[in-house]
Amino acid sequence: MNITSGKRTKKVLLFSTLNPYPFWAGSENFWYDFVKDSRVKEAFSFHICLADSPVTRKKAAAIADNLVKFEFYKHFNVSFTRRNLYRIGDKVSGRNSRTLPWYDKIKNDKYDLVWFSVAALADLEDLAYPIQLCKKQGIPYSLILQHGDEDFFLSSAQQIDIVTEVATSAKRFIFIAERNRRSLERGISKILSNAVHLVNALPASTIATVKTTGLNKTTAVNGMAKFFNLGRFSPKDKAQHLLLELFADQKWNDRDWQLSFIGVSEFGEFYLQKLVAYYGLNSDRIITKRHTENVFEEIADNDVLLMPSLAEGTPFAMIESMACGRPALGTLKPAG
């Protein structure tokens, strides 16, 4: 019960499908900022289930209260024995969908809505299991998609049927970019009548703060131009290798520049070093930095964000860069 309004808050069960460890990325910011907004709490209470990691626990501790409660589970990506046991069980039982046991939480209470924050189009097939649970419990569900590969296609009639059912049975399917919707509709060959379009955004209070951060540091007018790329290392999606290929062109040899990759993992740092050597670049010009809590400080230390991504919605990195007063250059794949 919400004491201030005297009205019953509607109960929302929220899952994120993001699965690379540590189970946190820019795509989580949408629901995270939404559920902690005081205006939202006047109407809703949230039970949020996340894969367990130090990062997810830290994020949860920052906003958990009597209307925003968190629960953590061991994801198959860090519990290999459990993953294989369920895989064997599904095979023996002849199930058409993959059992992901953390979704069993849907059966434990009567929720007004189940919200799936879908990290990527490829995650939709795995939602077949929780969608079945929602239908059995008579609970509506909504989807919000952050990341859409423009080359998304399915490889069997069964996959098409499963993803179509997941997408069309949702009360609302929210897309962060219209192109992501078109990629999905083409993949299942069906127009979605339940589609809604939104965009990522920063809270006004955050914009005011980071604007000051950007103004306090000047950008290059003469001298070294400091380019940067912000986000996890993933050549398939983020295409960081294209930046190295670009700067390897001889026309950049005599120009004064530096390129920083911010927020990469240990493996990403290792791989980037190998790619730098492969392209014959001067390693002194390439900077790699791990995940940082002071992302706006890092942005303000640079001049131009470069995002050659091959799959995006409305990337938070670009919004954060512009909030700091730093221009951003991105890519747009021609519609085919």
C-alpha atoms as a PDB file:
ATOM      1  CA  MET A   1       0.000   0.000   0.000  1.00  0.00           C
ATOM      2  CA  ASN A   2       1.273   3.477  -0.840  1.00  0.00           C
ATOM      3  CA  ILE A   3       0.640   5.447   2.360  1.00  0.00           C
ATOM      4  CA  THR A   4       0.836   8.898   0.736  1.00  0.00           C
ATOM      5  CA  SER A   5      -1.878   8.293  -1.821  1.00  0.00           C
ATOM      6  CA  GLY A   6      -4.019   5.795   0.046  1.00  0.00           C
ATOM      7  CA  LYS A   7      -4.273   3.732  -3.130  1.00  0.00           C
ATOM      8  CA  ARG A   8      -2.926   0.263  -3.803  1.00  0.00           C
ATOM      9  CA  THR A   9       0.258   0.345  -5.843  1.00  0.00           C
ATOM     10  CA  LYS A  10       0.295  -2.024  -8.771  1.00  0.00           C
ATOM     11  CA  LYS A  11       2.876  -4.790  -8.430  1.00  0.00           C
ATOM     12  CA  VAL A  12       5.403  -5.169 -11.239  1.00  0.00           C
ATOM     13  CA  LEU A  13       7.821  -8.071 -11.531  1.00  0.00           C
ATOM     14  CA  LEU A  14      10.838  -7.043 -13.596  1.00  0.00           C
ATOM     15  CA  PHE A  15      13.509  -9.208 -15.230  1.00  0.00           C
ATOM     16  CA  SER A  16      16.510  -8.145 -17.270  1.00  0.00           C
ATOM     17  CA  THR A  17      17.738 -10.583 -19.915  1.00  0.00           C
ATOM     18  CA  LEU A  18      21.237  -9.074 -19.979  1.00  0.00           C
ATOM     19  CA  ASN A  19      23.543 -12.056 -19.515  1.00  0.00           C
ATOM     20  CA  PRO A  20      27.265 -11.321 -19.975  1.00  0.00           C
ATOM     21  CA  TYR A  21      28.911 -11.091 -16.551  1.00  0.00           C
ATOM     22  CA  PRO A  22      28.822  -8.772 -14.538  1.00  0.00           C
ATOM     23  CA  PHE A  23      25.218  -8.462 -15.828  1.00  0.00           C
ATOM     24  CA  TRP A  24      25.144  -4.686 -16.122  1.00  0.00           C
ATOM     25  CA  ALA A  25      25.396  -2.334 -19.097  1.00  0.00           C
ATOM     26  CA  GLY A  26      23.976   0.910 -20.434  1.00  0.00           C
ATOM     27  CA  SER A  27      20.763  -0.867 -21.412  1.00  0.00           C
ATOM     28  CA  GLU A  28      19.897  -1.231 -17.711  1.00  0.00           C
ATOM     29  CA  ASN A  29      19.704   2.531 -17.183  1.00  0.00           C
ATOM     30  CA  PHE A  30      16.208   2.834 -18.654  1.00  0.00           C
ATOM     31  CA  TRP A  31      14.439   0.654 -16.098  1.00  0.00           C
ATOM     32  CA  TYR A  32      16.834   1.688 -13.318  1.00  0.00           C
ATOM     33  CA  ASP A  33      16.057   5.393 -13.637  1.00  0.00           C
ATOM     34  CA  PHE A  34      12.370   4.633 -14.149  1.00  0.00           C
ATOM     35  CA  VAL A  35      11.789   2.553 -11.014  1.00  0.00           C
ATOM     36  CA  LYS A  36      13.612   4.966  -8.697  1.00  0.00           C
ATOM     37  CA  ASP A  37      11.556   7.966  -9.838  1.00  0.00           C
ATOM     38  CA  SER A  38       9.338   9.181  -6.999  1.00  0.00           C
ATOM     39  CA  ARG A  39       6.422   9.805  -9.374  1.00  0.00           C
ATOM     40  CA  VAL A  40       6.522   6.203 -10.550  1.00  0.00           C
ATOM     41  CA  LYS A  41       6.499   4.922  -6.970  1.00  0.00           C
ATOM     42  CA  GLU A  42       3.167   6.628  -6.392  1.00  0.00           C
ATOM     43  CA  ALA A  43       1.547   4.081  -8.701  1.00  0.00           C
ATOM     44  CA  PHE A  44       3.823   1.026  -8.755  1.00  0.00           C
ATOM     45  CA  SER A  45       5.872  -1.226  -6.534  1.00  0.00           C
ATOM     46  CA  PHE A  46       8.641  -3.320  -8.079  1.00  0.00           C
ATOM     47  CA  HIS A  47      10.078  -6.747  -7.449  1.00  0.00           C
ATOM     48  CA  ILE A  48      13.252  -6.911  -9.552  1.00  0.00           C
ATOM     49  CA  CYS A  49      15.126 -10.144 -10.288  1.00  0.00           C
ATOM     50  CA  LEU A  50      18.716  -9.821 -11.474  1.00  0.00           C
ATOM     51  CA  ALA A  51      21.625 -12.151 -12.074  1.00  0.00           C
ATOM     52  CA  ASP A  52      23.961 -12.064  -9.097  1.00  0.00           C
ATOM     53  CA  SER A  53      27.178 -10.046  -9.314  1.00  0.00           C
ATOM     54  CA  PRO A  54      28.942  -7.368  -7.235  1.00  0.00           C
ATOM     55  CA  VAL A  55      27.779  -4.763  -9.754  1.00  0.00           C
ATOM     56  CA  THR A  56      24.083  -5.707  -9.688  1.00  0.00           C
ATOM     57  CA  ARG A  57      24.115  -5.864  -5.885  1.00  0.00           C
ATOM     58  CA  LYS A  58      25.742  -2.447  -5.648  1.00  0.00           C
ATOM     59  CA  LYS A  59      23.202  -0.929  -8.050  1.00  0.00           C
ATOM     60  CA  ALA A  60      20.332  -2.517  -6.139  1.00  0.00           C
ATOM     61  CA  ALA A  61      21.583  -1.277  -2.765  1.00  0.00           C
ATOM     62  CA  ALA A  62      21.507   2.288  -4.069  1.00  0.00           C
ATOM     63  CA  ILE A  63      17.743   2.344  -4.701  1.00  0.00           C
ATOM     64  CA  ALA A  64      16.166  -0.551  -2.783  1.00  0.00           C
ATOM     65  CA  ASP A  65      13.345   0.454  -0.432  1.00  0.00           C
ATOM     66  CA  ASN A  66       9.867  -0.704   0.533  1.00  0.00           C
ATOM     67  CA  LEU A  67       8.585  -0.150  -3.030  1.00  0.00           C
ATOM     68  CA  VAL A  68      11.651  -1.379  -4.954  1.00  0.00           C
ATOM     69  CA  LYS A  69      12.815  -4.812  -3.820  1.00  0.00           C
ATOM     70  CA  PHE A  70      15.545  -6.902  -5.409  1.00  0.00           C
ATOM     71  CA  GLU A  71      16.273 -10.604  -5.610  1.00  0.00           C
ATOM     72  CA  PHE A  72      19.375 -12.248  -7.077  1.00  0.00           C
ATOM     73  CA  TYR A  73      19.932 -15.613  -8.721  1.00  0.00           C
ATOM     74  CA  LYS A  74      22.867 -17.589 -10.077  1.00  0.00           C
ATOM     75  CA  HIS A  75      22.780 -17.228 -13.837  1.00  0.00           C
ATOM     76  CA  PHE A  76      23.675 -20.217 -15.988  1.00  0.00           C
ATOM     77  CA  ASN A  77      26.637 -18.228 -17.302  1.00  0.00           C
ATOM     78  CA  VAL A  78      28.291 -18.534 -13.884  1.00  0.00           C
ATOM     79  CA  SER A  79      26.676 -21.812 -12.831  1.00  0.00           C
ATOM     80  CA  PHE A  80      27.682 -24.269 -15.540  1.00  0.00           C
ATOM     81  CA  THR A  81      26.672 -27.437 -13.682  1.00  0.00           C
ATOM     82  CA  ARG A  82      23.169 -26.111 -13.105  1.00  0.00           C
ATOM     83  CA  ARG A  83      22.908 -25.020 -16.738  1.00  0.00           C
ATOM     84  CA  ASN A  84      23.794 -28.465 -18.037  1.00  0.00           C
ATOM     85  CA  LEU A  85      21.439 -30.221 -15.628  1.00  0.00           C
ATOM     86  CA  TYR A  86      18.514 -28.161 -16.893  1.00  0.00           C
ATOM     87  CA  ARG A  87      19.646 -28.646 -20.470  1.00  0.00           C
ATOM     88  CA  ILE A  88      19.596 -32.432 -20.003  1.00  0.00           C
ATOM     89  CA  GLY A  89      16.199 -32.225 -18.303  1.00  0.00           C
ATOM     90  CA  ASP A  90      14.732 -30.226 -21.193  1.00  0.00           C
ATOM     91  CA  LYS A  91      16.090 -32.693 -23.715  1.00  0.00           C
ATOM     92  CA  VAL A  92      14.761 -35.749 -21.861  1.00  0.00           C
ATOM     93  CA  SER A  93      11.361 -34.094 -21.419  1.00  0.00           C
ATOM     94  CA  GLY A  94      11.198 -33.092 -25.066  1.00  0.00           C
ATOM     95  CA  ARG A  95      10.452 -29.448 -24.248  1.00  0.00           C
ATOM     96  CA  ASN A  96      10.339 -26.962 -27.105  1.00  0.00           C
ATOM     97  CA  SER A  97      11.490 -24.106 -24.895  1.00  0.00           C
ATOM     98  CA  ARG A  98      14.517 -23.712 -22.667  1.00  0.00           C
ATOM     99  CA  THR A  99      13.819 -23.837 -18.924  1.00  0.00           C
ATOM    100  CA  LEU A 100      15.329 -20.852 -17.144  1.00  0.00           C
ATOM    101  CA  PRO A 101      14.417 -21.455 -13.484  1.00  0.00           C
ATOM    102  CA  TRP A 102      14.770 -17.867 -12.227  1.00  0.00           C
ATOM    103  CA  TYR A 103      11.574 -17.064 -14.095  1.00  0.00           C
ATOM    104  CA  ASP A 104       9.667 -19.421 -11.767  1.00  0.00           C
ATOM    105  CA  LYS A 105       9.280 -16.340  -9.574  1.00  0.00           C
ATOM    106  CA  ILE A 106       6.303 -15.515 -11.813  1.00  0.00           C
ATOM    107  CA  LYS A 107       4.390 -18.359 -10.135  1.00  0.00           C
ATOM    108  CA  ASN A 108       5.001 -17.135  -6.577  1.00  0.00           C
ATOM    109  CA  ASP A 109       2.669 -14.147  -6.441  1.00  0.00           C
ATOM    110  CA  LYS A 110      -0.108 -12.424  -8.328  1.00  0.00           C
ATOM    111  CA  TYR A 111       1.542  -9.555 -10.164  1.00  0.00           C
ATOM    112  CA  ASP A 112      -0.235  -6.871 -12.170  1.00  0.00           C
ATOM    113  CA  LEU A 113       2.476  -6.928 -14.827  1.00  0.00           C
ATOM    114  CA  VAL A 114       5.659  -8.754 -15.692  1.00  0.00           C
ATOM    115  CA  TRP A 115       8.222  -6.520 -17.397  1.00  0.00           C
ATOM    116  CA  PHE A 116      11.044  -7.990 -19.443  1.00  0.00           C
ATOM    117  CA  SER A 117      13.922  -5.624 -20.205  1.00  0.00           C
ATOM    118  CA  VAL A 118      15.265  -7.362 -23.319  1.00  0.00           C
ATOM    119  CA  ALA A 119      18.938  -6.695 -23.915  1.00  0.00           C
ATOM    120  CA  ALA A 120      19.015  -8.028 -27.499  1.00  0.00           C
ATOM    121  CA  LEU A 121      16.800  -9.555 -30.188  1.00  0.00           C
ATOM    122  CA  ALA A 122      18.564 -12.888 -29.714  1.00  0.00           C
ATOM    123  CA  ASP A 123      17.146 -13.078 -26.152  1.00  0.00           C
ATOM    124  CA  LEU A 124      13.535 -13.255 -27.335  1.00  0.00           C
ATOM    125  CA  GLU A 125      13.596 -16.999 -28.007  1.00  0.00           C
ATOM    126  CA  ASP A 126      14.585 -17.682 -24.384  1.00  0.00           C
ATOM    127  CA  LEU A 127      11.487 -15.832 -23.195  1.00  0.00           C
ATOM    128  CA  ALA A 128       9.233 -18.654 -24.382  1.00  0.00           C
ATOM    129  CA  TYR A 129       9.417 -20.289 -20.942  1.00  0.00           C
ATOM    130  CA  PRO A 130       8.452 -17.259 -18.807  1.00  0.00           C
ATOM    131  CA  ILE A 131       5.783 -16.253 -21.327  1.00  0.00           C
ATOM    132  CA  GLN A 132       4.132 -19.642 -20.814  1.00  0.00           C
ATOM    133  CA  LEU A 133       4.198 -19.000 -17.057  1.00  0.00           C
ATOM    134  CA  CYS A 134       2.607 -15.568 -17.524  1.00  0.00           C
ATOM    135  CA  LYS A 135      -0.192 -17.046 -19.580  1.00  0.00           C
ATOM    136  CA  LYS A 136      -0.862 -19.804 -17.042  1.00  0.00           C
ATOM    137  CA  GLN A 137      -1.014 -17.214 -14.253  1.00  0.00           C
ATOM    138  CA  GLY A 138      -3.130 -14.825 -16.308  1.00  0.00           C
ATOM    139  CA  ILE A 139      -0.573 -12.036 -15.922  1.00  0.00           C
ATOM    140  CA  PRO A 140       0.021  -9.545 -18.769  1.00  0.00           C
ATOM    141  CA  TYR A 141       3.606  -8.828 -19.728  1.00  0.00           C
ATOM    142  CA  SER A 142       5.476  -6.098 -21.570  1.00  0.00           C
ATOM    143  CA  LEU A 143       8.787  -6.094 -23.420  1.00  0.00           C
ATOM    144  CA  ILE A 144      11.287  -3.313 -23.936  1.00  0.00           C
ATOM    145  CA  LEU A 145      14.077  -3.891 -26.444  1.00  0.00           C
ATOM    146  CA  GLN A 146      17.365  -2.015 -26.193  1.00  0.00           C
ATOM    147  CA  HIS A 147      19.623  -3.644 -28.766  1.00  0.00           C
ATOM    148  CA  GLY A 148      18.701  -4.804 -32.254  1.00  0.00           C
ATOM    149  CA  ASP A 149      21.050  -6.466 -34.684  1.00  0.00           C
ATOM    150  CA  GLU A 150      20.065  -5.292 -38.163  1.00  0.00           C
ATOM    151  CA  ASP A 151      21.053  -8.678 -39.555  1.00  0.00           C
ATOM    152  CA  PHE A 152      18.618 -10.485 -37.265  1.00  0.00           C
ATOM    153  CA  PHE A 153      17.119 -13.591 -38.844  1.00  0.00           C
ATOM    154  CA  LEU A 154      15.920 -16.944 -37.507  1.00  0.00           C
ATOM    155  CA  SER A 155      17.051 -20.359 -38.675  1.00  0.00           C
ATOM    156  CA  SER A 156      13.942 -22.578 -38.364  1.00  0.00           C
ATOM    157  CA  ALA A 157      10.165 -22.488 -38.559  1.00  0.00           C
ATOM    158  CA  GLN A 158      10.032 -23.377 -34.868  1.00  0.00           C
ATOM    159  CA  GLN A 159      12.177 -20.394 -33.937  1.00  0.00           C
ATOM    160  CA  ILE A 160       9.993 -18.077 -36.007  1.00  0.00           C
ATOM    161  CA  ASP A 161       6.863 -19.414 -34.276  1.00  0.00           C
ATOM    162  CA  ILE A 162       8.388 -19.008 -30.798  1.00  0.00           C
ATOM    163  CA  VAL A 163       9.660 -15.458 -31.312  1.00  0.00           C
ATOM    164  CA  THR A 164       6.413 -14.432 -33.033  1.00  0.00           C
ATOM    165  CA  GLU A 165       4.401 -15.721 -30.081  1.00  0.00           C
ATOM    166  CA  VAL A 166       6.622 -13.924 -27.560  1.00  0.00           C
ATOM    167  CA  ALA A 167       6.460 -10.645 -29.501  1.00  0.00           C
ATOM    168  CA  THR A 168       2.762 -10.594 -30.396  1.00  0.00           C
ATOM    169  CA  SER A 169       1.395 -11.784 -27.037  1.00  0.00           C
ATOM    170  CA  ALA A 170       2.937  -8.874 -25.139  1.00  0.00           C
ATOM    171  CA  LYS A 171       0.592  -6.179 -23.894  1.00  0.00           C
ATOM    172  CA  ARG A 172       3.113  -3.648 -25.179  1.00  0.00           C
ATOM    173  CA  PHE A 173       6.368  -4.122 -27.053  1.00  0.00           C
ATOM    174  CA  ILE A 174       8.463  -1.008 -26.499  1.00  0.00           C
ATOM    175  CA  PHE A 175      11.319  -0.278 -28.896  1.00  0.00           C
ATOM    176  CA  ILE A 176      14.128   2.153 -28.162  1.00  0.00           C
ATOM    177  CA  ALA A 177      14.678   2.609 -31.905  1.00  0.00           C
ATOM    178  CA  GLU A 178      12.311   2.238 -34.845  1.00  0.00           C
ATOM    179  CA  ARG A 179      14.991   0.412 -36.836  1.00  0.00           C
ATOM    180  CA  ASN A 180      15.115  -2.261 -34.133  1.00  0.00           C
ATOM    181  CA  ARG A 181      11.380  -2.824 -34.577  1.00  0.00           C
ATOM    182  CA  ARG A 182      11.821  -3.143 -38.329  1.00  0.00           C
ATOM    183  CA  SER A 183      14.632  -5.660 -37.842  1.00  0.00           C
ATOM    184  CA  LEU A 184      12.393  -7.839 -35.680  1.00  0.00           C
ATOM    185  CA  GLU A 185       9.331  -7.500 -37.921  1.00  0.00           C
ATOM    186  CA  ARG A 186      11.385  -8.511 -40.936  1.00  0.00           C
ATOM    187  CA  GLY A 187      12.865 -11.449 -38.992  1.00  0.00           C
ATOM    188  CA  ILE A 188       9.426 -12.856 -38.149  1.00  0.00           C
ATOM    189  CA  SER A 189       7.720 -11.455 -41.265  1.00  0.00           C
ATOM    190  CA  LYS A 190       4.964  -9.827 -39.262  1.00  0.00           C
ATOM    191  CA  ILE A 191       3.918  -6.252 -38.442  1.00  0.00           C
ATOM    192  CA  LEU A 192       3.540  -5.723 -34.689  1.00  0.00           C
ATOM    193  CA  SER A 193       0.342  -3.948 -33.728  1.00  0.00           C
ATOM    194  CA  ASN A 194       1.459  -3.686 -30.081  1.00  0.00           C
ATOM    195  CA  ALA A 195       4.660  -1.738 -30.869  1.00  0.00           C
ATOM    196  CA  VAL A 196       5.460   1.518 -29.046  1.00  0.00           C
ATOM    197  CA  HIS A 197       8.510   3.748 -29.572  1.00  0.00           C
ATOM    198  CA  LEU A 198      10.494   5.430 -26.792  1.00  0.00           C
ATOM    199  CA  VAL A 199      14.063   6.681 -26.451  1.00  0.00           C
ATOM    200  CA  ASN A 200      16.703   6.509 -23.752  1.00  0.00           C
ATOM    201  CA  ALA A 201      17.260   9.678 -21.768  1.00  0.00           C
ATOM    202  CA  LEU A 202      19.137  11.074 -18.795  1.00  0.00           C
ATOM    203  CA  PRO A 203      17.280  12.523 -15.801  1.00  0.00           C
ATOM    204  CA  ALA A 204      17.225  16.342 -15.798  1.00  0.00           C
ATOM    205  CA  SER A 205      19.223  16.416 -12.556  1.00  0.00           C
ATOM    206  CA  THR A 206      21.978  14.326 -14.144  1.00  0.00           C
ATOM    207  CA  ILE A 207      22.115  16.546 -17.232  1.00  0.00           C
ATOM    208  CA  ALA A 208      22.545  19.641 -15.055  1.00  0.00           C
ATOM    209  CA  THR A 209      25.396  18.022 -13.157  1.00  0.00           C
ATOM    210  CA  VAL A 210      27.299  16.660 -16.146  1.00  0.00           C
ATOM    211  CA  LYS A 211      26.905  19.904 -18.078  1.00  0.00           C
ATOM    212  CA  THR A 212      29.038  21.547 -15.416  1.00  0.00           C
ATOM    213  CA  THR A 213      31.541  18.704 -15.645  1.00  0.00           C
ATOM    214  CA  GLY A 214      31.915  19.278 -19.371  1.00  0.00           C
ATOM    215  CA  LEU A 215      32.206  23.059 -19.082  1.00  0.00           C
ATOM    216  CA  ASN A 216      34.961  22.769 -16.496  1.00  0.00           C
ATOM    217  CA  LYS A 217      37.216  21.003 -19.002  1.00  0.00           C
ATOM    218  CA  THR A 218      38.103  22.457 -22.372  1.00  0.00           C
ATOM    219  CA  THR A 219      38.253  20.548 -25.635  1.00  0.00           C
ATOM    220  CA  ALA A 220      41.113  20.691 -28.112  1.00  0.00           C
ATOM    221  CA  VAL A 221      41.260  23.625 -30.507  1.00  0.00           C
ATOM    222  CA  ASN A 222      44.878  23.263 -31.485  1.00  0.00           C
ATOM    223  CA  GLY A 223      47.087  20.339 -30.649  1.00  0.00           C
ATOM    224  CA  MET A 224      46.135  16.741 -29.903  1.00  0.00           C
ATOM    225  CA  ALA A 225      42.598  15.624 -30.775  1.00  0.00           C
ATOM    226  CA  LYS A 226      41.390  13.124 -28.190  1.00  0.00           C
ATOM    227  CA  PHE A 227      38.884  10.642 -29.603  1.00  0.00           C
ATOM    228  CA  PHE A 228      37.189   8.015 -27.473  1.00  0.00           C
ATOM    229  CA  ASN A 229      34.916   5.003 -27.634  1.00  0.00           C
ATOM    230  CA  LEU A 230      32.750   4.179 -24.607  1.00  0.00           C
ATOM    231  CA  GLY A 231      31.331   0.725 -23.898  1.00  0.00           C
ATOM    232  CA  ARG A 232      32.074  -2.967 -23.632  1.00  0.00           C
ATOM    233  CA  PHE A 233      34.445  -4.529 -26.136  1.00  0.00           C
ATOM    234  CA  SER A 234      32.390  -6.400 -28.720  1.00  0.00           C
ATOM    235  CA  PRO A 235      33.601  -6.192 -32.334  1.00  0.00           C
ATOM    236  CA  LYS A 236      30.463  -7.993 -33.526  1.00  0.00           C
ATOM    237  CA  ASP A 237      28.147  -5.321 -32.087  1.00  0.00           C
ATOM    238  CA  LYS A 238      30.276  -2.301 -31.181  1.00  0.00           C
ATOM    239  CA  ALA A 239      32.741  -2.690 -34.084  1.00  0.00           C
ATOM    240  CA  GLN A 240      35.730  -1.162 -32.290  1.00  0.00           C
ATOM    241  CA  HIS A 241      37.994  -2.795 -34.871  1.00  0.00           C
ATOM    242  CA  LEU A 242      36.677  -0.358 -37.496  1.00  0.00           C
ATOM    243  CA  LEU A 243      38.172   2.534 -35.556  1.00  0.00           C
ATOM    244  CA  LEU A 244      41.583   0.889 -35.542  1.00  0.00           C
ATOM    245  CA  GLU A 245      41.237   0.182 -39.248  1.00  0.00           C
ATOM    246  CA  LEU A 246      40.380   3.846 -39.831  1.00  0.00           C
ATOM    247  CA  PHE A 247      43.306   5.268 -37.883  1.00  0.00           C
ATOM    248  CA  ALA A 248      45.685   2.802 -39.540  1.00  0.00           C
ATOM    249  CA  ASP A 249      45.190   4.721 -42.807  1.00  0.00           C
ATOM    250  CA  GLN A 250      48.365   6.587 -43.703  1.00  0.00           C
ATOM    251  CA  LYS A 251      46.603   9.963 -43.811  1.00  0.00           C
ATOM    252  CA  TRP A 252      46.442   9.841 -40.001  1.00  0.00           C
ATOM    253  CA  ASN A 253      50.183   9.212 -39.581  1.00  0.00           C
ATOM    254  CA  ASP A 254      51.169  12.875 -39.348  1.00  0.00           C
ATOM    255  CA  ARG A 255      48.128  14.083 -37.431  1.00  0.00           C
ATOM    256  CA  ASP A 256      48.148  14.620 -33.678  1.00  0.00           C
ATOM    257  CA  TRP A 257      45.544  12.305 -32.160  1.00  0.00           C
ATOM    258  CA  GLN A 258      44.826   9.863 -29.360  1.00  0.00           C
ATOM    259  CA  LEU A 259      42.141   7.173 -29.202  1.00  0.00           C
ATOM    260  CA  SER A 260      40.822   5.863 -25.878  1.00  0.00           C
ATOM    261  CA  PHE A 261      38.650   2.796 -25.344  1.00  0.00           C
ATOM    262  CA  ILE A 262      36.780   3.281 -22.048  1.00  0.00           C
ATOM    263  CA  GLY A 263      34.903   0.561 -20.178  1.00  0.00           C
ATOM    264  CA  VAL A 264      36.540  -2.508 -21.717  1.00  0.00           C
ATOM    265  CA  SER A 265      37.037  -5.807 -19.899  1.00  0.00           C
ATOM    266  CA  GLU A 266      40.358  -7.520 -19.256  1.00  0.00           C
ATOM    267  CA  PHE A 267      39.821  -9.665 -22.345  1.00  0.00           C
ATOM    268  CA  GLY A 268      38.788  -6.602 -24.350  1.00  0.00           C
ATOM    269  CA  GLU A 269      42.017  -4.872 -23.376  1.00  0.00           C
ATOM    270  CA  PHE A 270      44.009  -7.945 -24.410  1.00  0.00           C
ATOM    271  CA  TYR A 271      42.230  -8.249 -27.755  1.00  0.00           C
ATOM    272  CA  LEU A 272      42.573  -4.549 -28.535  1.00  0.00           C
ATOM    273  CA  GLN A 273      46.315  -4.743 -27.934  1.00  0.00           C
ATOM    274  CA  LYS A 274      46.551  -7.589 -30.441  1.00  0.00           C
ATOM    275  CA  LEU A 275      44.486  -5.632 -32.983  1.00  0.00           C
ATOM    276  CA  VAL A 276      46.641  -2.546 -32.498  1.00  0.00           C
ATOM    277  CA  ALA A 277      49.698  -4.642 -33.381  1.00  0.00           C
ATOM    278  CA  TYR A 278      47.863  -6.228 -36.325  1.00  0.00           C
ATOM    279  CA  TYR A 279      47.004  -2.836 -37.838  1.00  0.00           C
ATOM    280  CA  GLY A 280      50.534  -1.547 -37.206  1.00  0.00           C
ATOM    281  CA  LEU A 281      49.411   1.350 -35.026  1.00  0.00           C
ATOM    282  CA  ASN A 282      51.568   3.186 -32.526  1.00  0.00           C
ATOM    283  CA  SER A 283      50.454   1.708 -29.192  1.00  0.00           C
ATOM    284  CA  ASP A 284      51.278   4.995 -27.422  1.00  0.00           C
ATOM    285  CA  ARG A 285      48.323   6.568 -29.216  1.00  0.00           C
ATOM    286  CA  ILE A 286      45.833   3.918 -28.066  1.00  0.00           C
ATOM    287  CA  ILE A 287      44.595   4.048 -24.463  1.00  0.00           C
ATOM    288  CA  THR A 288      42.476   1.324 -22.847  1.00  0.00           C
ATOM    289  CA  LYS A 289      40.585   1.811 -19.587  1.00  0.00           C
ATOM    290  CA  ARG A 290      38.483  -0.609 -17.576  1.00  0.00           C
ATOM    291  CA  HIS A 291      34.981   0.032 -16.233  1.00  0.00           C
ATOM    292  CA  THR A 292      34.742   3.276 -14.269  1.00  0.00           C
ATOM    293  CA  GLU A 293      32.157   4.842 -11.975  1.00  0.00           C
ATOM    294  CA  ASN A 294      33.309   8.325 -13.064  1.00  0.00           C
ATOM    295  CA  VAL A 295      32.125   7.993 -16.639  1.00  0.00           C
ATOM    296  CA  PHE A 296      31.349  11.704 -17.074  1.00  0.00           C
ATOM    297  CA  GLU A 297      34.832  12.684 -15.924  1.00  0.00           C
ATOM    298  CA  GLU A 298      36.284  10.325 -18.518  1.00  0.00           C
ATOM    299  CA  ILE A 299      34.066  11.773 -21.236  1.00  0.00           C
ATOM    300  CA  ALA A 300      34.996  15.343 -20.316  1.00  0.00           C
ATOM    301  CA  ASP A 301      38.703  14.457 -20.572  1.00  0.00           C
ATOM    302  CA  ASN A 302      38.197  13.768 -24.282  1.00  0.00           C
ATOM    303  CA  ASP A 303      36.970  15.648 -27.334  1.00  0.00           C
ATOM    304  CA  VAL A 304      34.861  13.456 -29.641  1.00  0.00           C
ATOM    305  CA  LEU A 305      32.969  10.198 -29.093  1.00  0.00           C
ATOM    306  CA  LEU A 306      33.263   7.685 -31.941  1.00  0.00           C
ATOM    307  CA  MET A 307      30.636   4.915 -32.106  1.00  0.00           C
ATOM    308  CA  PRO A 308      30.943   2.660 -35.165  1.00  0.00           C
ATOM    309  CA  SER A 309      28.343   0.273 -33.720  1.00  0.00           C
ATOM    310  CA  LEU A 310      26.605  -2.231 -35.967  1.00  0.00           C
ATOM    311  CA  ALA A 311      23.684  -2.733 -33.570  1.00  0.00           C
ATOM    312  CA  GLU A 312      22.246  -0.037 -31.298  1.00  0.00           C
ATOM    313  CA  GLY A 313      19.031   1.499 -30.105  1.00  0.00           C
ATOM    314  CA  THR A 314      19.501   4.967 -28.630  1.00  0.00           C
ATOM    315  CA  PRO A 315      22.897   4.450 -26.979  1.00  0.00           C
ATOM    316  CA  PHE A 316      23.370   5.932 -23.518  1.00  0.00           C
ATOM    317  CA  ALA A 317      27.035   6.575 -24.287  1.00  0.00           C
ATOM    318  CA  MET A 318      26.012   9.020 -27.001  1.00  0.00           C
ATOM    319  CA  ILE A 319      23.497  10.772 -24.750  1.00  0.00           C
ATOM    320  CA  GLU A 320      26.057  11.005 -21.942  1.00  0.00           C
ATOM    321  CA  SER A 321      28.660  12.440 -24.307  1.00  0.00           C
ATOM    322  CA  MET A 322      26.345  15.120 -25.637  1.00  0.00           C
ATOM    323  CA  ALA A 323      25.241  15.988 -22.085  1.00  0.00           C
ATOM    324  CA  CYS A 324      28.908  16.740 -21.372  1.00  0.00           C
ATOM    325  CA  GLY A 325      29.068  18.982 -24.428  1.00  0.00           C
ATOM    326  CA  ARG A 326      31.120  16.514 -26.429  1.00  0.00           C
ATOM    327  CA  PRO A 327      30.112  15.813 -30.043  1.00  0.00           C
ATOM    328  CA  ALA A 328      29.429  12.236 -31.054  1.00  0.00           C
ATOM    329  CA  LEU A 329      29.816  10.483 -34.385  1.00  0.00           C
ATOM    330  CA  GLY A 330      27.914   7.275 -35.022  1.00  0.00           C
ATOM    331  CA  THR A 331      27.112   4.943 -37.877  1.00  0.00           C
ATOM    332  CA  LEU A 332      23.837   4.208 -39.610  1.00  0.00           C
ATOM    333  CA  LYS A 333      23.594   1.115 -41.721  1.00  0.00           C
ATOM    334  CA  PRO A 334      21.586   1.761 -44.917  1.00  0.00           C
ATOM    335  CA  ALA A 335      18.127   0.214 -44.833  1.00  0.00           C
ATOM    336  CA  GLY A 336      18.054  -2.841 -47.053  1.00  0.00           C
END
